[in-house]
Amino acid sequence: MRLDKYLKVSRLIKRRTVANEACDAGRVLVNGKVAKASTAVKEGDVLEIQFGNSTLRAEVLMLTDTTRKEDAKEMYRRLP
């Protein structure tokens, strides 16, 4: 699954265009490397998203094309 689509479906970022912009700005890392929006994401990958001064780290647990709002948190696990 594409990184920008995963960020939107998992609701880590609300809109796909915003996810694209974050990737283009170099604020999203996959396994410690700067990632483009088209980067393929697989289960077990570690994502780091920089929001201003804070950084969110999450591990990919599940990939689905669509999900309900209540089930979106099951797609990832936040890391310290």
C-alpha atoms as a PDB file:
ATOM      1  CA  MET A   1       0.000   0.000   0.000  1.00  0.00           C
ATOM      2  CA  ARG A   2       1.217   3.514  -0.764  1.00  0.00           C
ATOM      3  CA  LEU A   3       2.445   5.523   2.218  1.00  0.00           C
ATOM      4  CA  ASP A   4       0.114   8.479   1.615  1.00  0.00           C
ATOM      5  CA  LYS A   5      -2.922   6.197   1.375  1.00  0.00           C
ATOM      6  CA  TYR A   6      -1.927   4.338   4.554  1.00  0.00           C
ATOM      7  CA  LEU A   7      -1.568   7.599   6.487  1.00  0.00           C
ATOM      8  CA  LYS A   8      -5.054   8.645   5.384  1.00  0.00           C
ATOM      9  CA  VAL A   9      -6.809   5.288   5.942  1.00  0.00           C
ATOM     10  CA  SER A  10      -5.216   4.821   9.376  1.00  0.00           C
ATOM     11  CA  ARG A  11      -6.134   8.439  10.197  1.00  0.00           C
ATOM     12  CA  LEU A  12      -2.615   9.340  11.286  1.00  0.00           C
ATOM     13  CA  ILE A  13      -3.083  12.268   8.870  1.00  0.00           C
ATOM     14  CA  LYS A  14      -6.625  13.370   8.009  1.00  0.00           C
ATOM     15  CA  ARG A  15      -6.337  13.981   4.257  1.00  0.00           C
ATOM     16  CA  ARG A  16      -4.308  12.314   1.536  1.00  0.00           C
ATOM     17  CA  THR A  17      -3.197  15.638   0.050  1.00  0.00           C
ATOM     18  CA  VAL A  18      -1.810  16.675   3.450  1.00  0.00           C
ATOM     19  CA  ALA A  19      -0.029  13.310   3.671  1.00  0.00           C
ATOM     20  CA  ASN A  20       1.466  13.955   0.209  1.00  0.00           C
ATOM     21  CA  GLU A  21       2.698  17.384   1.276  1.00  0.00           C
ATOM     22  CA  ALA A  22       4.255  15.992   4.470  1.00  0.00           C
ATOM     23  CA  CYS A  23       6.098  13.338   2.460  1.00  0.00           C
ATOM     24  CA  ASP A  24       7.308  15.883  -0.114  1.00  0.00           C
ATOM     25  CA  ALA A  25       8.630  18.094   2.706  1.00  0.00           C
ATOM     26  CA  GLY A  26      10.662  15.185   4.117  1.00  0.00           C
ATOM     27  CA  ARG A  27       8.722  15.021   7.394  1.00  0.00           C
ATOM     28  CA  VAL A  28       7.826  11.320   7.110  1.00  0.00           C
ATOM     29  CA  LEU A  29      10.375   8.565   7.699  1.00  0.00           C
ATOM     30  CA  VAL A  30       9.884   4.842   7.084  1.00  0.00           C
ATOM     31  CA  ASN A  31      12.363   2.653   8.970  1.00  0.00           C
ATOM     32  CA  GLY A  32      14.612   5.672   9.526  1.00  0.00           C
ATOM     33  CA  LYS A  33      14.734   6.802   5.883  1.00  0.00           C
ATOM     34  CA  VAL A  34      12.975   9.799   4.319  1.00  0.00           C
ATOM     35  CA  ALA A  35      10.071   8.427   2.289  1.00  0.00           C
ATOM     36  CA  LYS A  36       8.150   9.609  -0.758  1.00  0.00           C
ATOM     37  CA  ALA A  37       4.355   9.423  -0.879  1.00  0.00           C
ATOM     38  CA  SER A  38       4.601   6.465  -3.266  1.00  0.00           C
ATOM     39  CA  THR A  39       6.780   4.366  -0.929  1.00  0.00           C
ATOM     40  CA  ALA A  40       5.319   0.897  -0.346  1.00  0.00           C
ATOM     41  CA  VAL A  41       4.406   0.280   3.297  1.00  0.00           C
ATOM     42  CA  LYS A  42       4.234  -3.226   4.743  1.00  0.00           C
ATOM     43  CA  GLU A  43       3.389  -4.706   8.127  1.00  0.00           C
ATOM     44  CA  GLY A  44       6.183  -4.247  10.659  1.00  0.00           C
ATOM     45  CA  ASP A  45       7.461  -0.949   9.220  1.00  0.00           C
ATOM     46  CA  VAL A  46       8.143   1.875  11.683  1.00  0.00           C
ATOM     47  CA  LEU A  47       6.838   5.306  10.680  1.00  0.00           C
ATOM     48  CA  GLU A  48       8.048   8.617  12.101  1.00  0.00           C
ATOM     49  CA  ILE A  49       5.964  11.696  11.356  1.00  0.00           C
ATOM     50  CA  GLN A  50       7.193  15.137  12.389  1.00  0.00           C
ATOM     51  CA  PHE A  51       4.430  17.550  13.456  1.00  0.00           C
ATOM     52  CA  GLY A  52       6.110  20.860  14.255  1.00  0.00           C
ATOM     53  CA  ASN A  53       8.183  20.253  17.400  1.00  0.00           C
ATOM     54  CA  SER A  54       6.799  16.784  18.168  1.00  0.00           C
ATOM     55  CA  THR A  55       7.396  13.452  16.469  1.00  0.00           C
ATOM     56  CA  LEU A  56       4.941  10.579  16.296  1.00  0.00           C
ATOM     57  CA  ARG A  57       6.374   7.068  16.004  1.00  0.00           C
ATOM     58  CA  ALA A  58       4.111   4.201  15.008  1.00  0.00           C
ATOM     59  CA  GLU A  59       4.506   0.588  13.907  1.00  0.00           C
ATOM     60  CA  VAL A  60       2.335  -0.674  11.047  1.00  0.00           C
ATOM     61  CA  LEU A  61       0.243  -3.623  12.272  1.00  0.00           C
ATOM     62  CA  MET A  62      -2.348  -4.076   9.534  1.00  0.00           C
ATOM     63  CA  LEU A  63      -3.039  -2.938   5.973  1.00  0.00           C
ATOM     64  CA  THR A  64      -6.595  -2.473   4.676  1.00  0.00           C
ATOM     65  CA  ASP A  65      -7.925  -0.351   1.819  1.00  0.00           C
ATOM     66  CA  THR A  66     -10.811   1.014   3.867  1.00  0.00           C
ATOM     67  CA  THR A  67     -11.681   1.088   7.542  1.00  0.00           C
ATOM     68  CA  ARG A  68     -14.193   2.591   9.904  1.00  0.00           C
ATOM     69  CA  LYS A  69     -13.156   5.408  12.203  1.00  0.00           C
ATOM     70  CA  GLU A  70     -13.446   3.167  15.271  1.00  0.00           C
ATOM     71  CA  ASP A  71     -11.200   0.473  13.762  1.00  0.00           C
ATOM     72  CA  ALA A  72      -8.477   2.793  12.414  1.00  0.00           C
ATOM     73  CA  LYS A  73      -6.427   2.639  15.643  1.00  0.00           C
ATOM     74  CA  GLU A  74      -5.996  -1.112  15.173  1.00  0.00           C
ATOM     75  CA  MET A  75      -3.910  -0.468  12.051  1.00  0.00           C
ATOM     76  CA  TYR A  76      -0.920   0.844  14.026  1.00  0.00           C
ATOM     77  CA  ARG A  77       0.720   0.865  17.444  1.00  0.00           C
ATOM     78  CA  ARG A  78       2.234   4.037  18.877  1.00  0.00           C
ATOM     79  CA  LEU A  79       5.848   3.725  19.960  1.00  0.00           C
ATOM     80  CA  PRO A  80       7.639   5.785  22.624  1.00  0.00           C
END
